[in-house]
Amino acid sequence: FVDFAHTPDGLEKTLSYLKGQKGNGKLITVFGAPGNRDKEKRPIMGEIAGKYSDILIATDDDPSTENRLAILNQLTASLQEAFYKEGKELFIIPERAYAIQLALELANPGDIILIAGKGHEKVQLTNFGKRPRSDQGYLKSLMQN
């Protein structure tokens, strides 16, 4: 699933629904948070993603001019110990394409993958300006190969 869920409420509703659909499979979530705004929402987004996900891959969203590793740390800082204790897996993969690829590699039949945050968007805002990026397009190309 590729979804635009980029707010705490949107992410929770999407993950809650998918968790109920997964049966015995795992819920694998790829998500991030945008740079230069809503810093207070980052730990909340991380906790929501951690609550529902069996495997969590934190990655870039639209880092813009902000340090992307700082964003990822804010998303995941409170999750690391809890994930270890619960036997869940947490990955921090700054490059979004690699994060999506990892999700596909980790998935088994019956698992659900959610790629959250960018949805229909076709560009990513970075320190270098707008980069052409489409989660949908990239996922489609990976699945065809």
C-alpha atoms as a PDB file:
ATOM      1  CA  PHE A   1       0.000   0.000   0.000  1.00  0.00           C
ATOM      2  CA  VAL A   2       1.222   3.492  -0.859  1.00  0.00           C
ATOM      3  CA  ASP A   3      -0.590   6.139   1.160  1.00  0.00           C
ATOM      4  CA  PHE A   4      -0.347   9.882   1.755  1.00  0.00           C
ATOM      5  CA  ALA A   5      -0.712   9.342   5.547  1.00  0.00           C
ATOM      6  CA  HIS A   6       1.558  12.132   6.784  1.00  0.00           C
ATOM      7  CA  THR A   7      -0.169  13.340   9.964  1.00  0.00           C
ATOM      8  CA  PRO A   8      -0.487  11.497  13.280  1.00  0.00           C
ATOM      9  CA  ASP A   9      -4.228  10.992  12.747  1.00  0.00           C
ATOM     10  CA  GLY A  10      -3.879   9.835   9.149  1.00  0.00           C
ATOM     11  CA  LEU A  11      -1.040   7.457   9.998  1.00  0.00           C
ATOM     12  CA  GLU A  12      -2.899   5.961  12.950  1.00  0.00           C
ATOM     13  CA  LYS A  13      -6.098   5.379  10.973  1.00  0.00           C
ATOM     14  CA  THR A  14      -4.214   3.751   8.111  1.00  0.00           C
ATOM     15  CA  LEU A  15      -2.052   1.541  10.336  1.00  0.00           C
ATOM     16  CA  SER A  16      -4.966   0.554  12.556  1.00  0.00           C
ATOM     17  CA  TYR A  17      -6.931  -0.597   9.522  1.00  0.00           C
ATOM     18  CA  LEU A  18      -3.998  -2.502   8.013  1.00  0.00           C
ATOM     19  CA  LYS A  19      -3.121  -4.162  11.323  1.00  0.00           C
ATOM     20  CA  GLY A  20      -6.650  -5.582  11.384  1.00  0.00           C
ATOM     21  CA  GLN A  21      -6.206  -6.946   7.858  1.00  0.00           C
ATOM     22  CA  LYS A  22      -2.835  -8.646   8.252  1.00  0.00           C
ATOM     23  CA  GLY A  23      -3.893 -11.922   9.868  1.00  0.00           C
ATOM     24  CA  ASN A  24      -0.773 -13.908  10.788  1.00  0.00           C
ATOM     25  CA  GLY A  25       1.492 -11.820   8.574  1.00  0.00           C
ATOM     26  CA  LYS A  26       3.644  -8.892   9.598  1.00  0.00           C
ATOM     27  CA  LEU A  27       2.928  -5.222   9.052  1.00  0.00           C
ATOM     28  CA  ILE A  28       5.993  -3.568   7.519  1.00  0.00           C
ATOM     29  CA  THR A  29       5.898   0.233   7.552  1.00  0.00           C
ATOM     30  CA  VAL A  30       8.132   2.630   5.610  1.00  0.00           C
ATOM     31  CA  PHE A  31       7.660   6.215   6.769  1.00  0.00           C
ATOM     32  CA  GLY A  32       9.340   9.540   7.471  1.00  0.00           C
ATOM     33  CA  ALA A  33       8.562  13.129   8.383  1.00  0.00           C
ATOM     34  CA  PRO A  34       9.073  16.350   6.439  1.00  0.00           C
ATOM     35  CA  GLY A  35      11.809  18.827   7.277  1.00  0.00           C
ATOM     36  CA  ASN A  36      11.444  22.436   8.375  1.00  0.00           C
ATOM     37  CA  ARG A  37       7.997  21.958   9.926  1.00  0.00           C
ATOM     38  CA  ASP A  38       5.945  20.085  12.511  1.00  0.00           C
ATOM     39  CA  LYS A  39       8.944  18.989  14.596  1.00  0.00           C
ATOM     40  CA  GLU A  40       6.689  18.369  17.588  1.00  0.00           C
ATOM     41  CA  LYS A  41       4.757  15.743  15.608  1.00  0.00           C
ATOM     42  CA  ARG A  42       7.794  13.582  14.841  1.00  0.00           C
ATOM     43  CA  PRO A  43       7.992  11.637  18.126  1.00  0.00           C
ATOM     44  CA  ILE A  44       4.211  11.157  18.001  1.00  0.00           C
ATOM     45  CA  MET A  45       4.414   9.795  14.450  1.00  0.00           C
ATOM     46  CA  GLY A  46       7.190   7.444  15.517  1.00  0.00           C
ATOM     47  CA  GLU A  47       5.210   6.140  18.471  1.00  0.00           C
ATOM     48  CA  ILE A  48       2.133   5.560  16.307  1.00  0.00           C
ATOM     49  CA  ALA A  49       4.149   3.728  13.666  1.00  0.00           C
ATOM     50  CA  GLY A  50       5.854   1.681  16.367  1.00  0.00           C
ATOM     51  CA  LYS A  51       2.578   0.761  18.024  1.00  0.00           C
ATOM     52  CA  TYR A  52       1.160  -0.940  14.936  1.00  0.00           C
ATOM     53  CA  SER A  53       4.214  -2.104  12.970  1.00  0.00           C
ATOM     54  CA  ASP A  54       6.079  -5.373  13.299  1.00  0.00           C
ATOM     55  CA  ILE A  55       8.904  -4.042  11.143  1.00  0.00           C
ATOM     56  CA  LEU A  56       9.493  -0.304  10.922  1.00  0.00           C
ATOM     57  CA  ILE A  57      11.737   1.383   8.372  1.00  0.00           C
ATOM     58  CA  ALA A  58      12.266   5.090   9.053  1.00  0.00           C
ATOM     59  CA  THR A  59      13.388   7.052   6.007  1.00  0.00           C
ATOM     60  CA  ASP A  60      13.389  10.446   4.313  1.00  0.00           C
ATOM     61  CA  ASP A  61      10.131  12.125   3.440  1.00  0.00           C
ATOM     62  CA  ASP A  62      10.829  15.696   2.321  1.00  0.00           C
ATOM     63  CA  PRO A  63      13.886  16.647   4.409  1.00  0.00           C
ATOM     64  CA  SER A  64      14.173  19.997   2.629  1.00  0.00           C
ATOM     65  CA  THR A  65      17.100  21.931   4.145  1.00  0.00           C
ATOM     66  CA  GLU A  66      16.973  20.196   7.529  1.00  0.00           C
ATOM     67  CA  ASN A  67      19.468  17.500   8.545  1.00  0.00           C
ATOM     68  CA  ARG A  68      17.809  14.247   7.519  1.00  0.00           C
ATOM     69  CA  LEU A  69      19.536  12.189  10.216  1.00  0.00           C
ATOM     70  CA  ALA A  70      18.238  14.562  12.901  1.00  0.00           C
ATOM     71  CA  ILE A  71      14.693  14.073  11.574  1.00  0.00           C
ATOM     72  CA  LEU A  72      15.077  10.286  11.640  1.00  0.00           C
ATOM     73  CA  ASN A  73      16.465  10.406  15.176  1.00  0.00           C
ATOM     74  CA  GLN A  74      13.458  12.433  16.346  1.00  0.00           C
ATOM     75  CA  LEU A  75      11.133   9.872  14.750  1.00  0.00           C
ATOM     76  CA  THR A  76      12.769   6.819  16.299  1.00  0.00           C
ATOM     77  CA  ALA A  77      14.554   7.825  19.519  1.00  0.00           C
ATOM     78  CA  SER A  78      11.767   6.613  21.805  1.00  0.00           C
ATOM     79  CA  LEU A  79      11.263   3.362  19.866  1.00  0.00           C
ATOM     80  CA  GLN A  80      14.649   1.714  19.927  1.00  0.00           C
ATOM     81  CA  GLU A  81      14.492   0.157  23.401  1.00  0.00           C
ATOM     82  CA  ALA A  82      10.824  -0.842  23.086  1.00  0.00           C
ATOM     83  CA  PHE A  83      11.411  -2.531  19.732  1.00  0.00           C
ATOM     84  CA  TYR A  84      14.336  -4.473  21.157  1.00  0.00           C
ATOM     85  CA  LYS A  85      12.290  -5.681  24.140  1.00  0.00           C
ATOM     86  CA  GLU A  86       9.314  -6.671  21.959  1.00  0.00           C
ATOM     87  CA  GLY A  87      11.424  -8.448  19.341  1.00  0.00           C
ATOM     88  CA  LYS A  88      10.347  -6.036  16.619  1.00  0.00           C
ATOM     89  CA  GLU A  89      12.699  -4.807  13.926  1.00  0.00           C
ATOM     90  CA  LEU A  90      13.612  -1.146  13.440  1.00  0.00           C
ATOM     91  CA  PHE A  91      15.676   0.100  10.517  1.00  0.00           C
ATOM     92  CA  ILE A  92      16.853   3.638   9.814  1.00  0.00           C
ATOM     93  CA  ILE A  93      17.524   3.977   6.081  1.00  0.00           C
ATOM     94  CA  PRO A  94      17.896   7.637   5.017  1.00  0.00           C
ATOM     95  CA  GLU A  95      17.588   6.987   1.274  1.00  0.00           C
ATOM     96  CA  ARG A  96      13.885   6.396   0.579  1.00  0.00           C
ATOM     97  CA  ALA A  97      14.422   4.160  -2.457  1.00  0.00           C
ATOM     98  CA  TYR A  98      16.607   1.798  -0.408  1.00  0.00           C
ATOM     99  CA  ALA A  99      14.034   1.765   2.388  1.00  0.00           C
ATOM    100  CA  ILE A 100      11.301   0.711  -0.033  1.00  0.00           C
ATOM    101  CA  GLN A 101      13.566  -1.932  -1.532  1.00  0.00           C
ATOM    102  CA  LEU A 102      14.368  -3.288   1.951  1.00  0.00           C
ATOM    103  CA  ALA A 103      10.666  -3.541   2.789  1.00  0.00           C
ATOM    104  CA  LEU A 104      10.114  -5.698  -0.285  1.00  0.00           C
ATOM    105  CA  GLU A 105      13.115  -7.878   0.566  1.00  0.00           C
ATOM    106  CA  LEU A 106      11.902  -8.431   4.141  1.00  0.00           C
ATOM    107  CA  ALA A 107       8.311  -9.232   3.185  1.00  0.00           C
ATOM    108  CA  ASN A 108       6.987 -12.770   3.133  1.00  0.00           C
ATOM    109  CA  PRO A 109       3.688 -14.045   1.725  1.00  0.00           C
ATOM    110  CA  GLY A 110       0.861 -12.740   3.914  1.00  0.00           C
ATOM    111  CA  ASP A 111       2.758  -9.645   5.068  1.00  0.00           C
ATOM    112  CA  ILE A 112       1.464  -6.133   4.392  1.00  0.00           C
ATOM    113  CA  ILE A 113       3.751  -3.265   3.401  1.00  0.00           C
ATOM    114  CA  LEU A 114       2.712   0.350   3.953  1.00  0.00           C
ATOM    115  CA  ILE A 115       4.765   3.083   2.326  1.00  0.00           C
ATOM    116  CA  ALA A 116       3.451   6.178   4.068  1.00  0.00           C
ATOM    117  CA  GLY A 117       3.843   9.912   3.770  1.00  0.00           C
ATOM    118  CA  LYS A 118       4.326  10.697   0.085  1.00  0.00           C
ATOM    119  CA  GLY A 119       1.394   8.899  -1.535  1.00  0.00           C
ATOM    120  CA  HIS A 120       0.639  10.470  -4.906  1.00  0.00           C
ATOM    121  CA  GLU A 121       3.492  13.005  -4.779  1.00  0.00           C
ATOM    122  CA  LYS A 122       6.010  12.887  -7.616  1.00  0.00           C
ATOM    123  CA  VAL A 123       8.870  14.961  -6.119  1.00  0.00           C
ATOM    124  CA  GLN A 124      10.967  14.993  -2.977  1.00  0.00           C
ATOM    125  CA  LEU A 125      12.217  18.247  -1.439  1.00  0.00           C
ATOM    126  CA  THR A 126      15.901  17.990  -0.482  1.00  0.00           C
ATOM    127  CA  ASN A 127      18.915  20.221   0.213  1.00  0.00           C
ATOM    128  CA  PHE A 128      19.512  20.079  -3.532  1.00  0.00           C
ATOM    129  CA  GLY A 129      16.023  21.215  -4.479  1.00  0.00           C
ATOM    130  CA  LYS A 130      13.207  19.139  -5.930  1.00  0.00           C
ATOM    131  CA  ARG A 131      14.134  15.602  -6.982  1.00  0.00           C
ATOM    132  CA  PRO A 132      11.809  13.476  -9.090  1.00  0.00           C
ATOM    133  CA  ARG A 133      10.556  10.719  -6.767  1.00  0.00           C
ATOM    134  CA  SER A 134       7.425   8.624  -6.938  1.00  0.00           C
ATOM    135  CA  ASP A 135       6.855   5.901  -4.367  1.00  0.00           C
ATOM    136  CA  GLN A 136       4.213   4.389  -6.630  1.00  0.00           C
ATOM    137  CA  GLY A 137       6.450   4.430  -9.699  1.00  0.00           C
ATOM    138  CA  TYR A 138       9.479   3.078  -7.872  1.00  0.00           C
ATOM    139  CA  LEU A 139       7.500   0.300  -6.226  1.00  0.00           C
ATOM    140  CA  LYS A 140       6.003  -0.678  -9.577  1.00  0.00           C
ATOM    141  CA  SER A 141       9.465  -0.856 -11.186  1.00  0.00           C
ATOM    142  CA  LEU A 142      10.801  -3.023  -8.337  1.00  0.00           C
ATOM    143  CA  MET A 143       7.895  -5.425  -8.563  1.00  0.00           C
ATOM    144  CA  GLN A 144       8.309  -5.817 -12.335  1.00  0.00           C
ATOM    145  CA  ASN A 145      11.984  -6.800 -11.985  1.00  0.00           C
END
